[in-house]
């Protein structure tokens, strides 16, 4: 909510300064009344969307907020395709550049799918337990740890935090703030550095919130599981934490690379603004490095991560729901079918008929005619 208030205040001030093509101000009556109404409207709308996302998560399939963001990104895809075809017909974009864009897009999507499905499997063994006449446990399994445990949340947080100085600079007419906003704008080396650092920080921060190695080690110990060669308890927690730390670093670097690469291809890296060595680097580096290739990549790094990640998660959850629906008939109407298709009757007095007129004896009771429940040929007696 705090970020929403700050951004809505910046948007209201920006709207007051914006003029129409004819030169007239976009907001005819600026002031605190317009700013407060804009802040309340945008913040309330943000809260409503968050509530709507929670309802989709609870009552639907998939993560609600992610699906809403996914829909907002994909809805602009037809327009981008039409614009790309128009640029090809007009000659603005060459065929070679378009082929490079298509190959690059498929390569990035394949890389994202590979990294999103990558995981480290820690072997886990369960000790055998004898309960009555049955033996439980004694099986080998594994503990899957995803390389990108945090998903796209670190990228969303990082992009929001990096945009805060620019939003604040737009709220106030201050030369010092404007210089800071220009230094961390698109294509600047400081922007890439801050963006990558924020992604790495939020990757570790978010993983530390959603995954607790100590709880995982305690659950393994409680159910008789252990990692071969590692003592249960604190040593297991330290081992899992060490592996998770390394995986999180790989996942954070992957997120930073995918998020920055499309922006780099579009605008390059403006190294001339660096102190002392900026002019030298600008003269040495090739033009495509400092000015970019000018490739209009519609799905930016963040958008591409969200689209691919949400699509994969939604498909997996739909498959899980289909498996549950398929297995639902196993306990239909409270009766279980045996190996040979014989229905095991209800042992609480009725045989499952709709009118409940056929009486069946309970355990320990006898038939009104005096015959025992276990007498051969009695309808309650189970055969084979």
Protein backbone atom coordinates (compact mmCIF):
# COMPACT_ATOMS: atom_id res chain seq x y z
CA UNK A 1 0.00 0.00 0.00
CA UNK A 2 2.88 2.36 0.76
CA UNK A 3 4.38 1.85 -2.70
CA UNK A 4 0.93 2.41 -4.22
CA UNK A 5 0.54 5.72 -2.39
CA UNK A 6 3.99 6.91 -3.50
CA UNK A 7 3.48 5.94 -7.11
CA UNK A 8 -0.04 7.36 -7.27
CA UNK A 9 1.22 10.67 -5.86
CA UNK A 10 3.93 10.75 -8.53
CA UNK A 11 1.40 9.95 -11.26
CA UNK A 12 -0.92 12.74 -10.10
CA UNK A 13 1.91 15.30 -10.18
CA UNK A 14 3.02 14.03 -13.58
CA UNK A 15 -0.52 14.40 -14.94
CA UNK A 16 -0.68 17.98 -13.70
CA UNK A 17 2.48 18.82 -15.65
CA UNK A 18 1.38 17.08 -18.84
CA UNK A 19 -0.06 19.14 -21.67
CA UNK A 20 -2.22 18.16 -24.64
CA UNK A 21 -0.94 18.39 -28.26
CA UNK A 22 -2.69 21.77 -28.49
CA UNK A 23 -0.72 23.15 -25.54
CA UNK A 24 -3.56 23.15 -23.00
CA UNK A 25 -2.97 21.52 -19.60
CA UNK A 26 -4.23 17.95 -19.30
CA UNK A 27 -5.68 18.65 -15.83
CA UNK A 28 -7.78 21.84 -15.95
CA UNK A 29 -8.01 22.22 -12.16
CA UNK A 30 -4.78 21.01 -10.53
CA UNK A 31 -4.27 21.04 -6.81
CA UNK A 32 -4.54 18.90 -3.73
CA UNK A 33 -8.11 17.94 -4.51
CA UNK A 34 -7.08 16.28 -7.77
CA UNK A 35 -4.03 14.69 -6.14
CA UNK A 36 -5.97 13.17 -3.25
CA UNK A 37 -8.69 11.82 -5.55
CA UNK A 38 -6.05 10.32 -7.86
CA UNK A 39 -4.19 8.73 -4.96
CA UNK A 40 -7.38 7.27 -3.46
CA UNK A 41 -8.57 5.98 -6.83
CA UNK A 42 -5.31 4.28 -7.78
CA UNK A 43 -4.66 2.87 -4.30
CA UNK A 44 -8.21 1.54 -3.98
CA UNK A 45 -7.99 -0.01 -7.43
CA UNK A 46 -4.70 -1.68 -6.45
CA UNK A 47 -6.29 -3.09 -3.28
CA UNK A 48 -9.28 -4.36 -5.27
CA UNK A 49 -7.03 -6.11 -7.78
CA UNK A 50 -5.10 -7.72 -4.92
CA UNK A 51 -8.36 -8.94 -3.36
CA UNK A 52 -9.52 -10.23 -6.75
CA UNK A 53 -6.25 -12.12 -7.15
CA UNK A 54 -6.68 -13.73 -3.73
CA UNK A 55 -10.18 -14.84 -4.67
CA UNK A 56 -8.90 -16.39 -7.90
CA UNK A 57 -6.19 -18.20 -5.94
CA UNK A 58 -8.66 -19.60 -3.41
CA UNK A 59 -11.52 -20.49 -5.77
CA UNK A 60 -9.80 -21.04 -9.12
CA UNK A 61 -6.66 -22.55 -10.57
CA UNK A 62 -3.25 -20.94 -10.31
CA UNK A 63 -1.95 -17.81 -8.63
CA UNK A 64 -4.52 -15.05 -8.99
CA UNK A 65 -2.19 -12.03 -9.07
CA UNK A 66 0.14 -13.75 -11.52
CA UNK A 67 -2.78 -14.63 -13.79
CA UNK A 68 -4.00 -11.02 -13.79
CA UNK A 69 -0.53 -9.76 -14.70
CA UNK A 70 -0.27 -12.52 -17.31
CA UNK A 71 -3.55 -11.42 -18.91
CA UNK A 72 -2.44 -7.78 -18.94
CA UNK A 73 0.77 -8.70 -20.80
CA UNK A 74 -0.69 -11.17 -23.29
CA UNK A 75 -3.59 -8.86 -24.27
CA UNK A 76 -1.11 -6.59 -26.06
CA UNK A 77 0.43 -9.40 -28.11
CA UNK A 78 -1.92 -9.14 -31.16
CA UNK A 79 -1.23 -5.43 -31.45
CA UNK A 80 2.52 -6.04 -31.27
CA UNK A 81 2.28 -8.65 -34.05
CA UNK A 82 0.33 -6.25 -36.27
CA UNK A 83 2.86 -3.49 -35.60
CA UNK A 84 5.74 -5.82 -36.45
CA UNK A 85 4.13 -6.84 -39.75
CA UNK A 86 3.51 -3.18 -40.61
CA UNK A 87 7.15 -2.30 -39.93
CA UNK A 88 8.25 -5.15 -42.21
CA UNK A 89 5.95 -3.98 -45.01
CA UNK A 90 7.09 -0.37 -44.69
CA UNK A 91 10.77 -1.32 -44.62
CA UNK A 92 11.43 0.13 -41.19
CA UNK A 93 12.64 -3.24 -39.94
CA UNK A 94 14.77 -5.50 -42.12
CA UNK A 95 14.02 -9.18 -42.63
CA UNK A 96 17.41 -10.16 -41.19
CA UNK A 97 16.77 -8.23 -38.00
CA UNK A 98 13.36 -9.84 -37.67
CA UNK A 99 14.84 -13.32 -38.10
CA UNK A 100 17.40 -12.54 -35.41
CA UNK A 101 14.59 -11.38 -33.13
CA UNK A 102 12.56 -14.58 -33.67
CA UNK A 103 15.56 -16.86 -33.08
CA UNK A 104 16.53 -14.88 -29.99
CA UNK A 105 12.99 -15.03 -28.60
CA UNK A 106 12.74 -18.80 -29.04
CA UNK A 107 16.18 -19.26 -27.46
CA UNK A 108 15.26 -17.14 -24.45
CA UNK A 109 11.94 -18.96 -23.98
CA UNK A 110 13.68 -22.34 -24.16
CA UNK A 111 16.29 -21.18 -21.65
CA UNK A 112 13.60 -19.92 -19.27
CA UNK A 113 11.68 -23.20 -19.49
CA UNK A 114 14.87 -25.17 -18.82
CA UNK A 115 15.82 -23.06 -15.80
CA UNK A 116 12.29 -23.02 -14.37
CA UNK A 117 12.15 -26.82 -14.43
CA UNK A 118 15.71 -27.31 -13.17
CA UNK A 119 16.01 -28.63 -9.63
CA UNK A 120 18.51 -30.20 -7.28
CA UNK A 121 17.32 -33.52 -5.89
CA UNK A 122 18.66 -34.35 -2.44
CA UNK A 123 18.38 -38.11 -1.75
CA UNK A 124 16.29 -38.99 1.31
CA UNK A 125 15.86 -42.40 2.95
CA UNK A 126 13.13 -43.41 5.38
CA UNK A 127 13.78 -45.97 8.08
CA UNK A 128 11.52 -49.00 8.40
CA UNK A 129 8.86 -48.94 11.11
CA UNK A 130 6.84 -51.93 12.25
CA UNK A 131 3.27 -51.06 13.29
CA UNK A 132 1.32 -54.17 14.20
CA UNK A 133 1.75 -56.58 11.33
CA UNK A 134 2.65 -53.94 8.79
CA UNK A 135 6.00 -52.42 7.86
CA UNK A 136 6.05 -48.75 6.96
CA UNK A 137 8.86 -46.76 5.39
CA UNK A 138 12.07 -48.25 4.13
CA UNK A 139 11.86 -46.36 0.85
CA UNK A 140 14.21 -44.06 -1.01
CA UNK A 141 12.97 -40.70 -2.29
CA UNK A 142 14.37 -37.24 -2.83
CA UNK A 143 13.85 -33.65 -1.71
CA UNK A 144 13.48 -31.39 -4.80
CA UNK A 145 14.96 -27.89 -4.54
CA UNK A 146 14.22 -25.63 -7.50
CA UNK A 147 17.01 -23.50 -8.93
CA UNK A 148 14.62 -20.54 -9.16
CA UNK A 149 12.72 -20.98 -5.92
CA UNK A 150 11.52 -17.38 -5.78
CA UNK A 151 9.94 -17.35 -9.25
CA UNK A 152 9.28 -13.90 -10.74
CA UNK A 153 8.60 -12.20 -7.40
CA UNK A 154 12.23 -10.91 -6.99
CA UNK A 155 12.09 -9.30 -10.45
CA UNK A 156 8.78 -7.58 -9.69
CA UNK A 157 10.07 -6.26 -6.36
CA UNK A 158 13.36 -5.11 -7.88
CA UNK A 159 11.71 -3.24 -10.76
CA UNK A 160 9.35 -1.48 -8.33
CA UNK A 161 12.17 -0.43 -5.99
CA UNK A 162 14.43 0.82 -8.80
CA UNK A 163 11.59 3.01 -10.13
CA UNK A 164 11.06 4.77 -6.79
CA UNK A 165 13.82 7.42 -7.28
CA UNK A 166 12.45 8.25 -10.74
CA UNK A 167 8.94 8.58 -9.32
CA UNK A 168 10.13 10.86 -6.51
CA UNK A 169 12.12 12.98 -8.98
CA UNK A 170 8.96 13.48 -11.05
CA UNK A 171 7.09 14.72 -7.96
CA UNK A 172 9.48 17.58 -7.18
CA UNK A 173 11.21 20.15 -9.36
CA UNK A 174 14.69 19.55 -7.99
CA UNK A 175 17.83 19.50 -10.13
CA UNK A 176 19.68 17.13 -7.80
CA UNK A 177 16.84 14.59 -7.85
CA UNK A 178 16.56 14.91 -11.62
CA UNK A 179 20.26 14.15 -12.03
CA UNK A 180 19.82 11.01 -9.91
CA UNK A 181 16.83 9.96 -12.01
CA UNK A 182 18.84 10.48 -15.22
CA UNK A 183 21.76 8.45 -13.80
CA UNK A 184 19.56 5.41 -13.14
CA UNK A 185 17.44 5.65 -16.29
CA UNK A 186 17.29 2.94 -18.97
CA UNK A 187 20.63 2.12 -20.58
CA UNK A 188 22.78 3.62 -17.83
CA UNK A 189 25.43 1.36 -16.22
CA UNK A 190 24.27 2.34 -12.73
CA UNK A 191 20.73 1.25 -13.65
CA UNK A 192 21.93 -2.19 -14.72
CA UNK A 193 24.04 -2.51 -11.57
CA UNK A 194 21.23 -1.49 -9.23
CA UNK A 195 18.68 -3.64 -11.04
CA UNK A 196 20.86 -6.77 -10.92
CA UNK A 197 21.80 -6.15 -7.26
CA UNK A 198 18.15 -5.67 -6.30
CA UNK A 199 17.17 -8.91 -8.05
CA UNK A 200 19.87 -10.87 -6.22
CA UNK A 201 18.93 -9.31 -2.88
CA UNK A 202 15.20 -9.98 -3.25
CA UNK A 203 15.90 -13.53 -4.44
CA UNK A 204 17.63 -14.35 -1.16
CA UNK A 205 15.09 -12.34 0.84
CA UNK A 206 12.04 -14.04 -0.67
CA UNK A 207 13.52 -17.54 -0.47
CA UNK A 208 14.32 -17.01 3.20
CA UNK A 209 10.64 -16.20 3.79
CA UNK A 210 9.02 -19.08 1.90
CA UNK A 211 11.51 -21.86 2.72
CA UNK A 212 12.85 -22.75 6.16
CA UNK A 213 15.57 -25.45 6.18
CA UNK A 214 15.15 -25.99 9.93
CA UNK A 215 11.46 -26.90 9.54
CA UNK A 216 12.27 -29.21 6.63
CA UNK A 217 14.96 -31.01 8.67
CA UNK A 218 12.58 -31.34 11.62
CA UNK A 219 9.84 -32.83 9.43
CA UNK A 220 12.30 -35.33 8.00
CA UNK A 221 13.40 -36.37 11.47
CA UNK A 222 9.81 -36.61 12.70
CA UNK A 223 8.81 -39.04 9.95
CA UNK A 224 11.98 -41.11 10.13
CA UNK A 225 13.70 -39.65 7.09
CA UNK A 226 17.37 -38.77 6.79
CA UNK A 227 19.89 -37.71 4.18
CA UNK A 228 22.59 -40.39 3.70
CA UNK A 229 25.83 -39.34 5.32
CA UNK A 230 24.27 -36.37 7.16
CA UNK A 231 23.24 -36.47 10.80
CA UNK A 232 19.59 -35.62 11.46
CA UNK A 233 18.62 -32.32 13.05
CA UNK A 234 20.87 -29.28 12.91
CA UNK A 235 23.42 -30.84 10.52
CA UNK A 236 20.66 -31.64 8.03
CA UNK A 237 19.32 -28.07 8.25
CA UNK A 238 22.81 -26.67 7.63
CA UNK A 239 23.31 -29.00 4.68
CA UNK A 240 20.00 -28.00 3.08
CA UNK A 241 20.68 -24.31 3.75
CA UNK A 242 24.13 -24.55 2.12
CA UNK A 243 22.72 -26.17 -1.02
CA UNK A 244 19.80 -23.71 -1.14
CA UNK A 245 22.18 -20.75 -0.88
CA UNK A 246 24.16 -21.92 -3.90
CA UNK A 247 21.03 -22.66 -5.91
CA UNK A 248 19.57 -19.24 -5.06
CA UNK A 249 22.72 -17.54 -6.35
CA UNK A 250 22.44 -19.38 -9.67
CA UNK A 251 18.73 -18.57 -9.89
CA UNK A 252 19.31 -14.89 -9.06
CA UNK A 253 22.00 -14.53 -11.75
CA UNK A 254 19.67 -16.22 -14.23
CA UNK A 255 16.83 -13.81 -13.36
CA UNK A 256 19.13 -10.80 -13.66
CA UNK A 257 20.47 -11.93 -17.04
CA UNK A 258 17.03 -12.60 -18.53
CA UNK A 259 15.68 -9.29 -17.19
CA UNK A 260 18.57 -7.11 -18.41
CA UNK A 261 19.39 -8.71 -21.78
CA UNK A 262 16.29 -7.50 -23.73
CA UNK A 263 16.77 -3.96 -22.40
CA UNK A 264 20.43 -4.09 -23.38
CA UNK A 265 19.55 -5.17 -26.93
CA UNK A 266 17.10 -2.29 -27.21
CA UNK A 267 19.07 0.63 -25.75
CA UNK A 268 22.61 -0.66 -25.15
CA UNK A 269 24.80 0.65 -22.33
CA UNK A 270 25.48 4.39 -22.20
CA UNK A 271 29.02 4.29 -20.83
CA UNK A 272 29.84 7.92 -21.69
CA UNK A 273 28.26 9.05 -18.41
CA UNK A 274 30.78 7.17 -16.27
CA UNK A 275 33.30 9.43 -14.51
CA UNK A 276 36.96 9.41 -15.62
CA UNK A 277 36.71 6.47 -18.06
CA UNK A 278 33.35 7.13 -19.72
CA UNK A 279 34.64 8.93 -22.82
CA UNK A 280 37.44 6.41 -23.35
CA UNK A 281 35.08 3.43 -23.14
CA UNK A 282 32.60 5.13 -25.46
CA UNK A 283 35.31 5.55 -28.10
CA UNK A 284 36.57 1.97 -27.78
CA UNK A 285 33.27 0.06 -27.53
CA UNK A 286 31.36 -0.79 -30.74
CA UNK A 287 28.19 1.09 -31.63
CA UNK A 288 25.87 -1.86 -30.92
CA UNK A 289 27.20 -2.00 -27.35
CA UNK A 290 26.73 1.68 -26.53
CA UNK A 291 23.61 2.41 -28.61
CA UNK A 292 21.92 -0.99 -28.75
CA UNK A 293 20.69 -2.92 -31.75
CA UNK A 294 17.32 -1.17 -31.83
CA UNK A 295 15.43 -4.47 -31.67
CA UNK A 296 11.89 -3.91 -30.43
CA UNK A 297 11.51 -6.90 -28.13
CA UNK A 298 7.86 -6.79 -27.12
CA UNK A 299 8.17 -9.30 -24.29
CA UNK A 300 10.77 -7.65 -22.09
CA UNK A 301 12.74 -9.61 -19.52
CA UNK A 302 10.20 -9.24 -16.72
CA UNK A 303 7.23 -9.80 -19.02
CA UNK A 304 8.76 -12.89 -20.57
CA UNK A 305 9.53 -14.40 -17.17
CA UNK A 306 5.99 -13.77 -15.98
CA UNK A 307 4.35 -15.17 -19.13
CA UNK A 308 6.43 -18.36 -19.28
CA UNK A 309 6.47 -18.96 -15.52
CA UNK A 310 2.75 -18.41 -15.02
CA UNK A 311 1.88 -20.55 -18.04
CA UNK A 312 3.98 -23.47 -16.73
CA UNK A 313 2.60 -23.21 -13.18
CA UNK A 314 -0.99 -23.01 -14.41
CA UNK A 315 -0.57 -26.06 -16.66
CA UNK A 316 0.88 -28.05 -13.76
CA UNK A 317 -1.99 -27.09 -11.46
CA UNK A 318 -4.57 -27.93 -14.13
CA UNK A 319 -2.97 -31.36 -14.52
CA UNK A 320 -3.11 -31.85 -10.75
CA UNK A 321 -6.79 -30.92 -10.71
CA UNK A 322 -7.49 -33.37 -13.55
CA UNK A 323 -5.78 -36.16 -11.62
CA UNK A 324 -7.87 -35.35 -8.55
CA UNK A 325 -11.08 -35.31 -10.59
CA UNK A 326 -10.20 -38.63 -12.17
CA UNK A 327 -9.61 -40.23 -8.77
CA UNK A 328 -12.76 -38.76 -7.24
CA UNK A 329 -14.89 -41.80 -8.10
CA UNK A 330 -12.80 -44.02 -5.84
CA UNK A 331 -14.91 -43.09 -2.80
CA UNK A 332 -18.18 -42.41 -4.64
CA UNK A 333 -21.22 -42.57 -2.33
CA UNK A 334 -19.09 -43.82 0.53
CA UNK A 335 -18.68 -47.33 -0.90
CA UNK A 336 -15.45 -48.96 -2.00
CA UNK A 337 -15.21 -51.47 -4.82
CA UNK A 338 -12.96 -54.45 -4.28
CA UNK A 339 -10.61 -56.22 -6.66
CA UNK A 340 -13.38 -58.25 -8.28
CA UNK A 341 -15.88 -55.42 -8.50
CA UNK A 342 -17.80 -56.57 -5.37
CA UNK A 343 -19.20 -53.59 -3.48
CA UNK A 344 -18.27 -53.61 0.18
CA UNK A 345 -21.57 -52.91 1.97
CA UNK A 346 -22.14 -50.30 4.61
CA UNK A 347 -21.51 -51.85 8.02
CA UNK A 348 -23.56 -49.25 9.89
CA UNK A 349 -26.99 -50.76 9.30
CA UNK A 350 -27.94 -50.14 5.65
CA UNK A 351 -27.00 -51.75 2.37
CA UNK A 352 -26.78 -48.56 0.34
CA UNK A 353 -30.28 -48.69 -1.17
CA UNK A 354 -31.97 -45.39 -1.74
CA UNK A 355 -35.04 -46.23 0.35
CA UNK A 356 -32.96 -47.80 3.20
CA UNK A 357 -35.52 -50.59 3.62
CA UNK A 358 -33.12 -53.52 3.61
CA UNK A 359 -31.91 -53.91 7.19
CA UNK A 360 -28.43 -55.17 7.84
CA UNK A 361 -27.09 -56.08 11.25
CA UNK A 362 -24.40 -54.03 12.87
CA UNK A 363 -21.29 -55.59 14.34
CA UNK A 364 -22.20 -57.60 17.44
CA UNK A 365 -25.92 -57.75 16.55
CA UNK A 366 -27.92 -60.73 15.32
CA UNK A 367 -30.50 -61.07 12.62
CA UNK A 368 -34.14 -60.89 13.79
CA UNK A 369 -34.50 -64.53 12.73
CA UNK A 370 -31.75 -65.50 15.12
CA UNK A 371 -29.10 -66.31 12.52
CA UNK A 372 -25.57 -65.12 12.97
CA UNK A 373 -24.09 -62.43 10.74
CA UNK A 374 -21.27 -64.68 9.66
CA UNK A 375 -23.58 -67.53 8.63
CA UNK A 376 -22.72 -68.74 5.14
CA UNK A 377 -25.02 -67.39 2.50
CA UNK A 378 -26.07 -64.35 4.49
CA UNK A 379 -26.07 -61.24 2.29
CA UNK A 380 -23.70 -59.50 4.69
CA UNK A 381 -21.09 -62.18 4.36
CA UNK A 382 -18.24 -61.19 2.04
CA UNK A 383 -16.93 -63.83 -0.30
CA UNK A 384 -13.53 -63.88 -1.92
